[in-house]
Every structure is written in structure tokens, then in C-alpha cells.
Amino acid sequence: MIKQPNVILGNDELLVTMGRKGDILGLFYPRRDHAQHVEESVACIHTGEKLLWTNDNDWHCIQNYIEDTNIVSTKLYHDSGIRISILDLVHPDVPVLIRRFKVQSQQKSQGNSSTIQISM
């Protein structure tokens, strides 16, 4: 299956292609025209009962570049009340992909909603 990237991030050494839900479709290093090192990378959430893969049709998404930057913002919304916010960027001088995930649940667990932040 051929997957078309929705956004592209990179510098002189690293090129990353991503789908509209923040899934990594390709990662090319040590040059942009080198063989790709990632075939596919998709996030998922374990709810305690089941896995919610972010590439499923149950997720609604909004994705855009933050104005005047090379940072991509991806927001995912699930009907269960789970929201995921992903910020992605490639450092301008170093071949590093930086990802920040913020996961929020509107489901009440013991009277509280919860938020988790993960940076990679």
C-alpha cells in the first residue's frame, strides 16, 4: 500500500515524512536521499480495556505547521473523550526528530480527568 505524506520535516541530514495523524511514514538518514530507516510508526493508547491505534478511523484529526516555524502540530480527538496533541520538529542543525505528546482524557477516573505529557 502506498501512503502519501501529509507533512515533511527535515534538515541537510534527516528527512521525516508523516501522515495526517502524526504517524511516521519514512525517516531518511544520513542524507535526505538515503534509504529509509522507518517503514511505519504509529502510536496507540491502552485504555485499560483495549488498544486505540491512532491510525484507526475512530480518530478525528487537525494537522498544520505552526506559523513561521518548522514545527508540526497534530491534534487527535477520539469519541471516547481521549485527546492527543503532538508537536514534531527536526532540529535545524542536528539530525534529531523531537516529538512531544500530550494525552488528555475527558473520561472521569475517580472524579478527575487526567493529562499525561511525554517528550521523545
PDB file of N, CA and C in Angstrom:
ATOM      1  N   MET A   1       0.832  -1.170   0.000  1.00  0.00           N
ATOM      2  CA  MET A   1       0.000   0.000   0.000  1.00  0.00           C
ATOM      3  C   MET A   1       0.888   1.249   0.000  1.00  0.00           C
ATOM      4  N   ILE A   2       0.607   2.174  -0.881  1.00  0.00           N
ATOM      5  CA  ILE A   2       1.359   3.421  -0.953  1.00  0.00           C
ATOM      6  C   ILE A   2       0.681   4.441  -0.047  1.00  0.00           C
ATOM      7  N   LYS A   3       1.480   5.063   0.817  1.00  0.00           N
ATOM      8  CA  LYS A   3       0.957   6.073   1.728  1.00  0.00           C
ATOM      9  C   LYS A   3       1.565   7.415   1.375  1.00  0.00           C
ATOM     10  N   GLN A   4       0.724   8.401   1.183  1.00  0.00           N
ATOM     11  CA  GLN A   4       1.170   9.737   0.839  1.00  0.00           C
ATOM     12  C   GLN A   4       1.423  10.531   2.117  1.00  0.00           C
ATOM     13  N   PRO A   5       2.588  11.159   2.232  1.00  0.00           N
ATOM     14  CA  PRO A   5       2.822  12.002   3.410  1.00  0.00           C
ATOM     15  C   PRO A   5       1.973  13.263   3.363  1.00  0.00           C
ATOM     16  N   ASN A   6       1.607  13.723   4.544  1.00  0.00           N
ATOM     17  CA  ASN A   6       0.853  14.955   4.675  1.00  0.00           C
ATOM     18  C   ASN A   6       1.768  16.121   5.037  1.00  0.00           C
ATOM     19  N   VAL A   7       2.839  15.826   5.806  1.00  0.00           N
ATOM     20  CA  VAL A   7       3.815  16.846   6.187  1.00  0.00           C
ATOM     21  C   VAL A   7       5.222  16.270   6.063  1.00  0.00           C
ATOM     22  N   ILE A   8       6.178  17.172   5.881  1.00  0.00           N
ATOM     23  CA  ILE A   8       7.586  16.794   5.758  1.00  0.00           C
ATOM     24  C   ILE A   8       8.401  17.699   6.667  1.00  0.00           C
ATOM     25  N   LEU A   9       9.309  17.098   7.419  1.00  0.00           N
ATOM     26  CA  LEU A   9      10.233  17.838   8.279  1.00  0.00           C
ATOM     27  C   LEU A   9      11.647  17.397   7.927  1.00  0.00           C
ATOM     28  N   GLY A  10      12.633  18.284   8.100  1.00  0.00           N
ATOM     29  CA  GLY A  10      13.989  17.835   7.851  1.00  0.00           C
ATOM     30  C   GLY A  10      15.020  18.934   7.883  1.00  0.00           C
ATOM     31  N   ASN A  11      16.268  18.488   7.698  1.00  0.00           N
ATOM     32  CA  ASN A  11      17.413  19.381   7.565  1.00  0.00           C
ATOM     33  C   ASN A  11      18.343  18.748   6.531  1.00  0.00           C
ATOM     34  N   ASP A  12      19.616  19.131   6.489  1.00  0.00           N
ATOM     35  CA  ASP A  12      20.536  18.613   5.477  1.00  0.00           C
ATOM     36  C   ASP A  12      20.780  17.112   5.588  1.00  0.00           C
ATOM     37  N   GLU A  13      20.629  16.542   6.798  1.00  0.00           N
ATOM     38  CA  GLU A  13      20.944  15.133   7.013  1.00  0.00           C
ATOM     39  C   GLU A  13      19.731  14.232   7.227  1.00  0.00           C
ATOM     40  N   LEU A  14      18.637  14.787   7.723  1.00  0.00           N
ATOM     41  CA  LEU A  14      17.484  13.987   8.137  1.00  0.00           C
ATOM     42  C   LEU A  14      16.217  14.471   7.450  1.00  0.00           C
ATOM     43  N   LEU A  15      15.446  13.536   6.911  1.00  0.00           N
ATOM     44  CA  LEU A  15      14.153  13.847   6.317  1.00  0.00           C
ATOM     45  C   LEU A  15      13.127  12.911   6.939  1.00  0.00           C
ATOM     46  N   VAL A  16      12.024  13.492   7.450  1.00  0.00           N
ATOM     47  CA  VAL A  16      10.956  12.708   8.070  1.00  0.00           C
ATOM     48  C   VAL A  16       9.659  13.034   7.341  1.00  0.00           C
ATOM     49  N   THR A  17       8.936  11.996   6.918  1.00  0.00           N
ATOM     50  CA  THR A  17       7.630  12.176   6.301  1.00  0.00           C
ATOM     51  C   THR A  17       6.578  11.617   7.257  1.00  0.00           C
ATOM     52  N   MET A  18       5.447  12.320   7.353  1.00  0.00           N
ATOM     53  CA  MET A  18       4.409  11.936   8.310  1.00  0.00           C
ATOM     54  C   MET A  18       3.033  11.978   7.674  1.00  0.00           C
ATOM     55  N   GLY A  19       2.170  11.109   8.169  1.00  0.00           N
ATOM     56  CA  GLY A  19       0.776  11.085   7.751  1.00  0.00           C
ATOM     57  C   GLY A  19      -0.034  12.118   8.521  1.00  0.00           C
ATOM     58  N   ARG A  20      -1.301  12.240   8.183  1.00  0.00           N
ATOM     59  CA  ARG A  20      -2.139  13.301   8.739  1.00  0.00           C
ATOM     60  C   ARG A  20      -2.476  13.104  10.210  1.00  0.00           C
ATOM     61  N   LYS A  21      -2.238  11.913  10.754  1.00  0.00           N
ATOM     62  CA  LYS A  21      -2.498  11.663  12.173  1.00  0.00           C
ATOM     63  C   LYS A  21      -1.200  11.558  12.978  1.00  0.00           C
ATOM     64  N   GLY A  22      -0.100  12.075  12.427  1.00  0.00           N
ATOM     65  CA  GLY A  22       1.165  12.084  13.143  1.00  0.00           C
ATOM     66  C   GLY A  22       1.950  10.796  13.036  1.00  0.00           C
ATOM     67  N   ASP A  23       1.496   9.868  12.215  1.00  0.00           N
ATOM     68  CA  ASP A  23       2.220   8.622  12.027  1.00  0.00           C
ATOM     69  C   ASP A  23       3.449   8.865  11.151  1.00  0.00           C
ATOM     70  N   ILE A  24       4.574   8.283  11.540  1.00  0.00           N
ATOM     71  CA  ILE A  24       5.813   8.439  10.768  1.00  0.00           C
ATOM     72  C   ILE A  24       5.779   7.441   9.620  1.00  0.00           C
ATOM     73  N   LEU A  25       5.858   7.958   8.408  1.00  0.00           N
ATOM     74  CA  LEU A  25       5.830   7.103   7.225  1.00  0.00           C
ATOM     75  C   LEU A  25       7.229   6.784   6.721  1.00  0.00           C
ATOM     76  N   GLY A  26       8.167   7.700   6.919  1.00  0.00           N
ATOM     77  CA  GLY A  26       9.535   7.481   6.458  1.00  0.00           C
ATOM     78  C   GLY A  26      10.511   8.324   7.234  1.00  0.00           C
ATOM     79  N   LEU A  27      11.726   7.812   7.421  1.00  0.00           N
ATOM     80  CA  LEU A  27      12.795   8.545   8.080  1.00  0.00           C
ATOM     81  C   LEU A  27      14.061   8.238   7.302  1.00  0.00           C
ATOM     82  N   PHE A  28      14.623   9.263   6.677  1.00  0.00           N
ATOM     83  CA  PHE A  28      15.773   9.103   5.791  1.00  0.00           C
ATOM     84  C   PHE A  28      16.996   9.743   6.433  1.00  0.00           C
ATOM     85  N   TYR A  29      18.066   8.970   6.598  1.00  0.00           N
ATOM     86  CA  TYR A  29      19.296   9.433   7.240  1.00  0.00           C
ATOM     87  C   TYR A  29      20.442   8.570   6.729  1.00  0.00           C
ATOM     88  N   PRO A  30      21.625   9.018   6.488  1.00  0.00           N
ATOM     89  CA  PRO A  30      22.251  10.276   6.846  1.00  0.00           C
ATOM     90  C   PRO A  30      22.092  11.372   5.797  1.00  0.00           C
ATOM     91  N   ARG A  31      21.357  11.090   4.747  1.00  0.00           N
ATOM     92  CA  ARG A  31      21.060  12.113   3.742  1.00  0.00           C
ATOM     93  C   ARG A  31      19.578  12.003   3.394  1.00  0.00           C
ATOM     94  N   ARG A  32      19.039  13.070   2.872  1.00  0.00           N
ATOM     95  CA  ARG A  32      17.617  13.053   2.514  1.00  0.00           C
ATOM     96  C   ARG A  32      17.300  12.044   1.424  1.00  0.00           C
ATOM     97  N   ASP A  33      18.304  11.700   0.591  1.00  0.00           N
ATOM     98  CA  ASP A  33      18.041  10.751  -0.496  1.00  0.00           C
ATOM     99  C   ASP A  33      18.556   9.350  -0.165  1.00  0.00           C
ATOM    100  N   HIS A  34      18.918   9.102   1.094  1.00  0.00           N
ATOM    101  CA  HIS A  34      19.393   7.787   1.524  1.00  0.00           C
ATOM    102  C   HIS A  34      18.195   6.854   1.735  1.00  0.00           C
ATOM    103  N   ALA A  35      18.470   5.565   1.859  1.00  0.00           N
ATOM    104  CA  ALA A  35      17.398   4.594   2.111  1.00  0.00           C
ATOM    105  C   ALA A  35      16.674   4.939   3.406  1.00  0.00           C
ATOM    106  N   GLN A  36      15.378   4.647   3.445  1.00  0.00           N
ATOM    107  CA  GLN A  36      14.618   4.998   4.640  1.00  0.00           C
ATOM    108  C   GLN A  36      14.840   3.977   5.748  1.00  0.00           C
ATOM    109  N   HIS A  37      14.797   4.459   6.990  1.00  0.00           N
ATOM    110  CA  HIS A  37      15.073   3.621   8.148  1.00  0.00           C
ATOM    111  C   HIS A  37      13.824   3.231   8.926  1.00  0.00           C
ATOM    112  N   VAL A  38      12.706   3.839   8.622  1.00  0.00           N
ATOM    113  CA  VAL A  38      11.454   3.510   9.290  1.00  0.00           C
ATOM    114  C   VAL A  38      10.430   3.224   8.212  1.00  0.00           C
ATOM    115  N   GLU A  39       9.781   2.078   8.309  1.00  0.00           N
ATOM    116  CA  GLU A  39       8.741   1.781   7.341  1.00  0.00           C
ATOM    117  C   GLU A  39       7.415   2.386   7.777  1.00  0.00           C
ATOM    118  N   GLU A  40       7.142   2.313   9.084  1.00  0.00           N
ATOM    119  CA  GLU A  40       5.926   2.915   9.612  1.00  0.00           C
ATOM    120  C   GLU A  40       6.022   2.937  11.132  1.00  0.00           C
ATOM    121  N   SER A  41       5.497   3.994  11.741  1.00  0.00           N
ATOM    122  CA  SER A  41       5.468   4.118  13.190  1.00  0.00           C
ATOM    123  C   SER A  41       4.151   4.769  13.575  1.00  0.00           C
ATOM    124  N   VAL A  42       3.333   4.042  14.330  1.00  0.00           N
ATOM    125  CA  VAL A  42       2.002   4.508  14.705  1.00  0.00           C
ATOM    126  C   VAL A  42       1.868   4.424  16.219  1.00  0.00           C
ATOM    127  N   ALA A  43       1.337   5.484  16.836  1.00  0.00           N
ATOM    128  CA  ALA A  43       1.120   5.491  18.285  1.00  0.00           C
ATOM    129  C   ALA A  43      -0.198   4.809  18.625  1.00  0.00           C
ATOM    130  N   CYS A  44      -0.281   4.325  19.860  1.00  0.00           N
ATOM    131  CA  CYS A  44      -1.548   3.797  20.349  1.00  0.00           C
ATOM    132  C   CYS A  44      -1.662   4.062  21.843  1.00  0.00           C
ATOM    133  N   ILE A  45      -2.870   4.024  22.334  1.00  0.00           N
ATOM    134  CA  ILE A  45      -3.183   4.250  23.743  1.00  0.00           C
ATOM    135  C   ILE A  45      -3.855   2.991  24.273  1.00  0.00           C
ATOM    136  N   HIS A  46      -3.430   2.531  25.453  1.00  0.00           N
ATOM    137  CA  HIS A  46      -4.119   1.426  26.112  1.00  0.00           C
ATOM    138  C   HIS A  46      -5.068   2.025  27.138  1.00  0.00           C
ATOM    139  N   THR A  47      -6.343   1.770  27.008  1.00  0.00           N
ATOM    140  CA  THR A  47      -7.354   2.372  27.869  1.00  0.00           C
ATOM    141  C   THR A  47      -7.561   1.589  29.162  1.00  0.00           C
ATOM    142  N   GLY A  48      -6.875   0.493  29.308  1.00  0.00           N
ATOM    143  CA  GLY A  48      -7.137  -0.408  30.426  1.00  0.00           C
ATOM    144  C   GLY A  48      -8.005  -1.566  29.987  1.00  0.00           C
ATOM    145  N   GLU A  49      -8.682  -1.375  28.854  1.00  0.00           N
ATOM    146  CA  GLU A  49      -9.542  -2.418  28.309  1.00  0.00           C
ATOM    147  C   GLU A  49      -9.135  -2.819  26.894  1.00  0.00           C
ATOM    148  N   LYS A  50      -8.678  -1.848  26.116  1.00  0.00           N
ATOM    149  CA  LYS A  50      -8.313  -2.144  24.733  1.00  0.00           C
ATOM    150  C   LYS A  50      -7.281  -1.144  24.237  1.00  0.00           C
ATOM    151  N   LEU A  51      -6.694  -1.444  23.064  1.00  0.00           N
ATOM    152  CA  LEU A  51      -5.746  -0.547  22.410  1.00  0.00           C
ATOM    153  C   LEU A  51      -6.495   0.335  21.422  1.00  0.00           C
ATOM    154  N   LEU A  52      -6.195   1.626  21.454  1.00  0.00           N
ATOM    155  CA  LEU A  52      -6.753   2.568  20.482  1.00  0.00           C
ATOM    156  C   LEU A  52      -5.606   3.039  19.591  1.00  0.00           C
ATOM    157  N   TRP A  53      -5.482   2.463  18.400  1.00  0.00           N
ATOM    158  CA  TRP A  53      -4.438   2.850  17.454  1.00  0.00           C
ATOM    159  C   TRP A  53      -4.830   4.168  16.801  1.00  0.00           C
ATOM    160  N   THR A  54      -3.895   5.108  16.752  1.00  0.00           N
ATOM    161  CA  THR A  54      -4.222   6.451  16.251  1.00  0.00           C
ATOM    162  C   THR A  54      -4.483   6.500  14.745  1.00  0.00           C
ATOM    163  N   ASN A  55      -4.158   5.440  14.022  1.00  0.00           N
ATOM    164  CA  ASN A  55      -4.467   5.447  12.589  1.00  0.00           C
ATOM    165  C   ASN A  55      -5.848   4.865  12.289  1.00  0.00           C
ATOM    166  N   ASP A  56      -6.602   4.473  13.316  1.00  0.00           N
ATOM    167  CA  ASP A  56      -7.961   3.989  13.115  1.00  0.00           C
ATOM    168  C   ASP A  56      -8.885   5.137  12.706  1.00  0.00           C
ATOM    169  N   ASN A  57      -9.991   4.782  12.071  1.00  0.00           N
ATOM    170  CA  ASN A  57     -10.959   5.784  11.616  1.00  0.00           C
ATOM    171  C   ASN A  57     -11.730   6.435  12.754  1.00  0.00           C
ATOM    172  N   ASP A  58     -11.609   5.917  13.982  1.00  0.00           N
ATOM    173  CA  ASP A  58     -12.319   6.485  15.132  1.00  0.00           C
ATOM    174  C   ASP A  58     -11.730   7.816  15.590  1.00  0.00           C
ATOM    175  N   TRP A  59     -10.543   8.155  15.093  1.00  0.00           N
ATOM    176  CA  TRP A  59      -9.870   9.406  15.484  1.00  0.00           C
ATOM    177  C   TRP A  59     -10.161  10.498  14.467  1.00  0.00           C
ATOM    178  N   HIS A  60     -10.449  11.690  14.967  1.00  0.00           N
ATOM    179  CA  HIS A  60     -10.605  12.880  14.128  1.00  0.00           C
ATOM    180  C   HIS A  60      -9.328  13.700  14.313  1.00  0.00           C
ATOM    181  N   CYS A  61      -8.854  14.333  13.244  1.00  0.00           N
ATOM    182  CA  CYS A  61      -7.549  14.997  13.356  1.00  0.00           C
ATOM    183  C   CYS A  61      -7.543  16.382  12.713  1.00  0.00           C
ATOM    184  N   ILE A  62      -6.658  17.211  13.249  1.00  0.00           N
ATOM    185  CA  ILE A  62      -6.327  18.513  12.681  1.00  0.00           C
ATOM    186  C   ILE A  62      -4.809  18.588  12.692  1.00  0.00           C
ATOM    187  N   GLN A  63      -4.211  18.915  11.544  1.00  0.00           N
ATOM    188  CA  GLN A  63      -2.752  18.988  11.468  1.00  0.00           C
ATOM    189  C   GLN A  63      -2.351  20.219  10.679  1.00  0.00           C
ATOM    190  N   ASN A  64      -1.327  20.914  11.184  1.00  0.00           N
ATOM    191  CA  ASN A  64      -0.829  22.084  10.469  1.00  0.00           C
ATOM    192  C   ASN A  64       0.578  22.431  10.959  1.00  0.00           C
ATOM    193  N   TYR A  65       1.293  23.192  10.131  1.00  0.00           N
ATOM    194  CA  TYR A  65       2.558  23.771  10.558  1.00  0.00           C
ATOM    195  C   TYR A  65       2.238  24.995  11.416  1.00  0.00           C
ATOM    196  N   ILE A  66       2.944  25.157  12.531  1.00  0.00           N
ATOM    197  CA  ILE A  66       2.788  26.363  13.333  1.00  0.00           C
ATOM    198  C   ILE A  66       3.393  27.516  12.540  1.00  0.00           C
ATOM    199  N   GLU A  67       2.679  28.613  12.452  1.00  0.00           N
ATOM    200  CA  GLU A  67       3.040  29.733  11.585  1.00  0.00           C
ATOM    201  C   GLU A  67       4.492  30.181  11.773  1.00  0.00           C
ATOM    202  N   ASP A  68       5.189  30.334  10.653  1.00  0.00           N
ATOM    203  CA  ASP A  68       6.578  30.814  10.596  1.00  0.00           C
ATOM    204  C   ASP A  68       7.568  29.910  11.333  1.00  0.00           C
ATOM    205  N   THR A  69       7.260  28.608  11.443  1.00  0.00           N
ATOM    206  CA  THR A  69       8.176  27.651  12.078  1.00  0.00           C
ATOM    207  C   THR A  69       8.241  26.380  11.237  1.00  0.00           C
ATOM    208  N   ASN A  70       9.132  25.484  11.635  1.00  0.00           N
ATOM    209  CA  ASN A  70       9.181  24.152  11.027  1.00  0.00           C
ATOM    210  C   ASN A  70       8.627  23.124  12.017  1.00  0.00           C
ATOM    211  N   ILE A  71       7.686  23.553  12.857  1.00  0.00           N
ATOM    212  CA  ILE A  71       7.059  22.688  13.854  1.00  0.00           C
ATOM    213  C   ILE A  71       5.678  22.287  13.356  1.00  0.00           C
ATOM    214  N   VAL A  72       5.386  20.979  13.447  1.00  0.00           N
ATOM    215  CA  VAL A  72       4.091  20.463  13.029  1.00  0.00           C
ATOM    216  C   VAL A  72       3.253  20.168  14.267  1.00  0.00           C
ATOM    217  N   SER A  73       2.027  20.652  14.264  1.00  0.00           N
ATOM    218  CA  SER A  73       1.073  20.386  15.332  1.00  0.00           C
ATOM    219  C   SER A  73       0.017  19.424  14.809  1.00  0.00           C
ATOM    220  N   THR A  74      -0.173  18.324  15.532  1.00  0.00           N
ATOM    221  CA  THR A  74      -1.205  17.348  15.188  1.00  0.00           C
ATOM    222  C   THR A  74      -2.100  17.181  16.405  1.00  0.00           C
ATOM    223  N   LYS A  75      -3.394  17.339  16.216  1.00  0.00           N
ATOM    224  CA  LYS A  75      -4.353  17.158  17.304  1.00  0.00           C
ATOM    225  C   LYS A  75      -5.308  16.042  16.901  1.00  0.00           C
ATOM    226  N   LEU A  76      -5.420  15.053  17.790  1.00  0.00           N
ATOM    227  CA  LEU A  76      -6.279  13.901  17.554  1.00  0.00           C
ATOM    228  C   LEU A  76      -7.371  13.862  18.614  1.00  0.00           C
ATOM    229  N   TYR A  77      -8.589  13.561  18.190  1.00  0.00           N
ATOM    230  CA  TYR A  77      -9.737  13.505  19.083  1.00  0.00           C
ATOM    231  C   TYR A  77     -10.450  12.173  18.882  1.00  0.00           C
ATOM    232  N   HIS A  78     -10.692  11.460  19.972  1.00  0.00           N
ATOM    233  CA  HIS A  78     -11.382  10.176  19.912  1.00  0.00           C
ATOM    234  C   HIS A  78     -12.757  10.338  20.562  1.00  0.00           C
ATOM    235  N   ASP A  79     -13.738   9.610  20.058  1.00  0.00           N
ATOM    236  CA  ASP A  79     -15.098   9.711  20.582  1.00  0.00           C
ATOM    237  C   ASP A  79     -15.193   9.322  22.056  1.00  0.00           C
ATOM    238  N   SER A  80     -14.220   8.573  22.554  1.00  0.00           N
ATOM    239  CA  SER A  80     -14.231   8.148  23.957  1.00  0.00           C
ATOM    240  C   SER A  80     -13.856   9.286  24.908  1.00  0.00           C
ATOM    241  N   GLY A  81     -13.398  10.428  24.367  1.00  0.00           N
ATOM    242  CA  GLY A  81     -13.002  11.555  25.203  1.00  0.00           C
ATOM    243  C   GLY A  81     -11.495  11.714  25.317  1.00  0.00           C
ATOM    244  N   ILE A  82     -10.735  10.837  24.691  1.00  0.00           N
ATOM    245  CA  ILE A  82      -9.276  10.945  24.723  1.00  0.00           C
ATOM    246  C   ILE A  82      -8.832  11.928  23.642  1.00  0.00           C
ATOM    247  N   ARG A  83      -7.928  12.832  24.024  1.00  0.00           N
ATOM    248  CA  ARG A  83      -7.343  13.791  23.081  1.00  0.00           C
ATOM    249  C   ARG A  83      -5.838  13.652  23.135  1.00  0.00           C
ATOM    250  N   ILE A  84      -5.201  13.717  21.977  1.00  0.00           N
ATOM    251  CA  ILE A  84      -3.744  13.663  21.886  1.00  0.00           C
ATOM    252  C   ILE A  84      -3.284  14.880  21.100  1.00  0.00           C
ATOM    253  N   SER A  85      -2.317  15.600  21.651  1.00  0.00           N
ATOM    254  CA  SER A  85      -1.690  16.717  20.964  1.00  0.00           C
ATOM    255  C   SER A  85      -0.224  16.343  20.742  1.00  0.00           C
ATOM    256  N   ILE A  86       0.240  16.409  19.495  1.00  0.00           N
ATOM    257  CA  ILE A  86       1.613  16.039  19.156  1.00  0.00           C
ATOM    258  C   ILE A  86       2.293  17.243  18.518  1.00  0.00           C
ATOM    259  N   LEU A  87       3.475  17.586  19.018  1.00  0.00           N
ATOM    260  CA  LEU A  87       4.322  18.597  18.386  1.00  0.00           C
ATOM    261  C   LEU A  87       5.568  17.893  17.865  1.00  0.00           C
ATOM    262  N   ASP A  88       5.904  18.112  16.590  1.00  0.00           N
ATOM    263  CA  ASP A  88       7.058  17.484  15.952  1.00  0.00           C
ATOM    264  C   ASP A  88       7.937  18.541  15.321  1.00  0.00           C
ATOM    265  N   LEU A  89       9.254  18.358  15.471  1.00  0.00           N
ATOM    266  CA  LEU A  89      10.196  19.203  14.754  1.00  0.00           C
ATOM    267  C   LEU A  89      11.510  18.455  14.576  1.00  0.00           C
ATOM    268  N   VAL A  90      12.231  18.834  13.539  1.00  0.00           N
ATOM    269  CA  VAL A  90      13.592  18.352  13.328  1.00  0.00           C
ATOM    270  C   VAL A  90      14.513  19.522  13.629  1.00  0.00           C
ATOM    271  N   HIS A  91      15.492  19.266  14.481  1.00  0.00           N
ATOM    272  CA  HIS A  91      16.456  20.310  14.844  1.00  0.00           C
ATOM    273  C   HIS A  91      17.102  20.830  13.565  1.00  0.00           C
ATOM    274  N   PRO A  92      17.287  22.146  13.420  1.00  0.00           N
ATOM    275  CA  PRO A  92      17.820  22.691  12.171  1.00  0.00           C
ATOM    276  C   PRO A  92      19.262  22.290  11.866  1.00  0.00           C
ATOM    277  N   ASP A  93      20.061  21.973  12.891  1.00  0.00           N
ATOM    278  CA  ASP A  93      21.483  21.692  12.667  1.00  0.00           C
ATOM    279  C   ASP A  93      21.906  20.258  12.977  1.00  0.00           C
ATOM    280  N   VAL A  94      21.093  19.522  13.694  1.00  0.00           N
ATOM    281  CA  VAL A  94      21.451  18.178  14.155  1.00  0.00           C
ATOM    282  C   VAL A  94      20.387  17.199  13.650  1.00  0.00           C
ATOM    283  N   PRO A  95      20.769  15.998  13.209  1.00  0.00           N
ATOM    284  CA  PRO A  95      19.783  15.054  12.691  1.00  0.00           C
ATOM    285  C   PRO A  95      18.969  14.382  13.804  1.00  0.00           C
ATOM    286  N   VAL A  96      18.063  15.175  14.410  1.00  0.00           N
ATOM    287  CA  VAL A  96      17.266  14.687  15.532  1.00  0.00           C
ATOM    288  C   VAL A  96      15.805  15.065  15.310  1.00  0.00           C
ATOM    289  N   LEU A  97      14.913  14.077  15.441  1.00  0.00           N
ATOM    290  CA  LEU A  97      13.482  14.328  15.438  1.00  0.00           C
ATOM    291  C   LEU A  97      13.038  14.464  16.892  1.00  0.00           C
ATOM    292  N   ILE A  98      12.364  15.563  17.203  1.00  0.00           N
ATOM    293  CA  ILE A  98      11.870  15.803  18.555  1.00  0.00           C
ATOM    294  C   ILE A  98      10.347  15.723  18.500  1.00  0.00           C
ATOM    295  N   ARG A  99       9.789  14.875  19.375  1.00  0.00           N
ATOM    296  CA  ARG A  99       8.341  14.696  19.428  1.00  0.00           C
ATOM    297  C   ARG A  99       7.860  14.943  20.851  1.00  0.00           C
ATOM    298  N   ARG A 100       6.762  15.682  20.999  1.00  0.00           N
ATOM    299  CA  ARG A 100       6.153  15.882  22.312  1.00  0.00           C
ATOM    300  C   ARG A 100       4.691  15.484  22.234  1.00  0.00           C
ATOM    301  N   PHE A 101       4.308  14.533  23.062  1.00  0.00           N
ATOM    302  CA  PHE A 101       2.928  14.057  23.120  1.00  0.00           C
ATOM    303  C   PHE A 101       2.284  14.565  24.404  1.00  0.00           C
ATOM    304  N   LYS A 102       1.070  15.054  24.281  1.00  0.00           N
ATOM    305  CA  LYS A 102       0.260  15.397  25.443  1.00  0.00           C
ATOM    306  C   LYS A 102      -1.046  14.620  25.298  1.00  0.00           C
ATOM    307  N   VAL A 103      -1.322  13.755  26.252  1.00  0.00           N
ATOM    308  CA  VAL A 103      -2.506  12.901  26.202  1.00  0.00           C
ATOM    309  C   VAL A 103      -3.454  13.340  27.308  1.00  0.00           C
ATOM    310  N   GLN A 104      -4.694  13.607  26.942  1.00  0.00           N
ATOM    311  CA  GLN A 104      -5.702  14.011  27.911  1.00  0.00           C
ATOM    312  C   GLN A 104      -6.916  13.114  27.780  1.00  0.00           C
ATOM    313  N   SER A 105      -7.548  12.849  28.914  1.00  0.00           N
ATOM    314  CA  SER A 105      -8.774  12.068  28.919  1.00  0.00           C
ATOM    315  C   SER A 105      -9.870  12.880  29.578  1.00  0.00           C
ATOM    316  N   GLN A 106     -10.991  12.992  28.918  1.00  0.00           N
ATOM    317  CA  GLN A 106     -12.148  13.662  29.492  1.00  0.00           C
ATOM    318  C   GLN A 106     -13.002  12.671  30.280  1.00  0.00           C
ATOM    319  N   GLN A 107     -12.624  11.384  30.207  1.00  0.00           N
ATOM    320  CA  GLN A 107     -13.327  10.378  30.992  1.00  0.00           C
ATOM    321  C   GLN A 107     -12.993  10.596  32.459  1.00  0.00           C
ATOM    322  N   LYS A 108     -13.961  10.490  33.293  1.00  0.00           N
ATOM    323  CA  LYS A 108     -13.741  10.668  34.727  1.00  0.00           C
ATOM    324  C   LYS A 108     -13.206   9.358  35.318  1.00  0.00           C
ATOM    325  N   SER A 109     -12.013   9.446  35.925  1.00  0.00           N
ATOM    326  CA  SER A 109     -11.460   8.301  36.625  1.00  0.00           C
ATOM    327  C   SER A 109     -11.298   8.721  38.080  1.00  0.00           C
ATOM    328  N   GLN A 110     -12.139   8.193  38.939  1.00  0.00           N
ATOM    329  CA  GLN A 110     -12.159   8.548  40.364  1.00  0.00           C
ATOM    330  C   GLN A 110     -12.391  10.049  40.539  1.00  0.00           C
ATOM    331  N   GLY A 111     -13.272  10.610  39.708  1.00  0.00           N
ATOM    332  CA  GLY A 111     -13.644  12.008  39.866  1.00  0.00           C
ATOM    333  C   GLY A 111     -12.749  13.013  39.184  1.00  0.00           C
ATOM    334  N   ASN A 112     -11.640  12.597  38.552  1.00  0.00           N
ATOM    335  CA  ASN A 112     -10.717  13.528  37.938  1.00  0.00           C
ATOM    336  C   ASN A 112     -10.493  13.185  36.466  1.00  0.00           C
ATOM    337  N   SER A 113     -10.306  14.209  35.650  1.00  0.00           N
ATOM    338  CA  SER A 113      -9.808  13.947  34.303  1.00  0.00           C
ATOM    339  C   SER A 113      -8.293  13.922  34.400  1.00  0.00           C
ATOM    340  N   SER A 114      -7.630  13.326  33.429  1.00  0.00           N
ATOM    341  CA  SER A 114      -6.182  13.162  33.562  1.00  0.00           C
ATOM    342  C   SER A 114      -5.456  13.680  32.325  1.00  0.00           C
ATOM    343  N   THR A 115      -4.206  14.118  32.544  1.00  0.00           N
ATOM    344  CA  THR A 115      -3.333  14.589  31.478  1.00  0.00           C
ATOM    345  C   THR A 115      -1.964  13.955  31.676  1.00  0.00           C
ATOM    346  N   ILE A 116      -1.370  13.470  30.587  1.00  0.00           N
ATOM    347  CA  ILE A 116      -0.020  12.906  30.607  1.00  0.00           C
ATOM    348  C   ILE A 116       0.767  13.586  29.503  1.00  0.00           C
ATOM    349  N   GLN A 117       2.010  14.015  29.780  1.00  0.00           N
ATOM    350  CA  GLN A 117       2.880  14.574  28.756  1.00  0.00           C
ATOM    351  C   GLN A 117       4.106  13.704  28.597  1.00  0.00           C
ATOM    352  N   ILE A 118       4.467  13.413  27.351  1.00  0.00           N
ATOM    353  CA  ILE A 118       5.628  12.595  27.039  1.00  0.00           C
ATOM    354  C   ILE A 118       6.448  13.323  25.991  1.00  0.00           C
ATOM    355  N   SER A 119       7.744  13.483  26.231  1.00  0.00           N
ATOM    356  CA  SER A 119       8.643  14.063  25.224  1.00  0.00           C
ATOM    357  C   SER A 119       9.641  13.003  24.807  1.00  0.00           C
ATOM    358  N   MET A 120       9.881  12.924  23.504  1.00  0.00           N
ATOM    359  CA  MET A 120      10.835  11.950  22.985  1.00  0.00           C
ATOM    360  C   MET A 120      11.847  12.653  22.115  1.00  0.00           C
TER     361      MET A 120
END
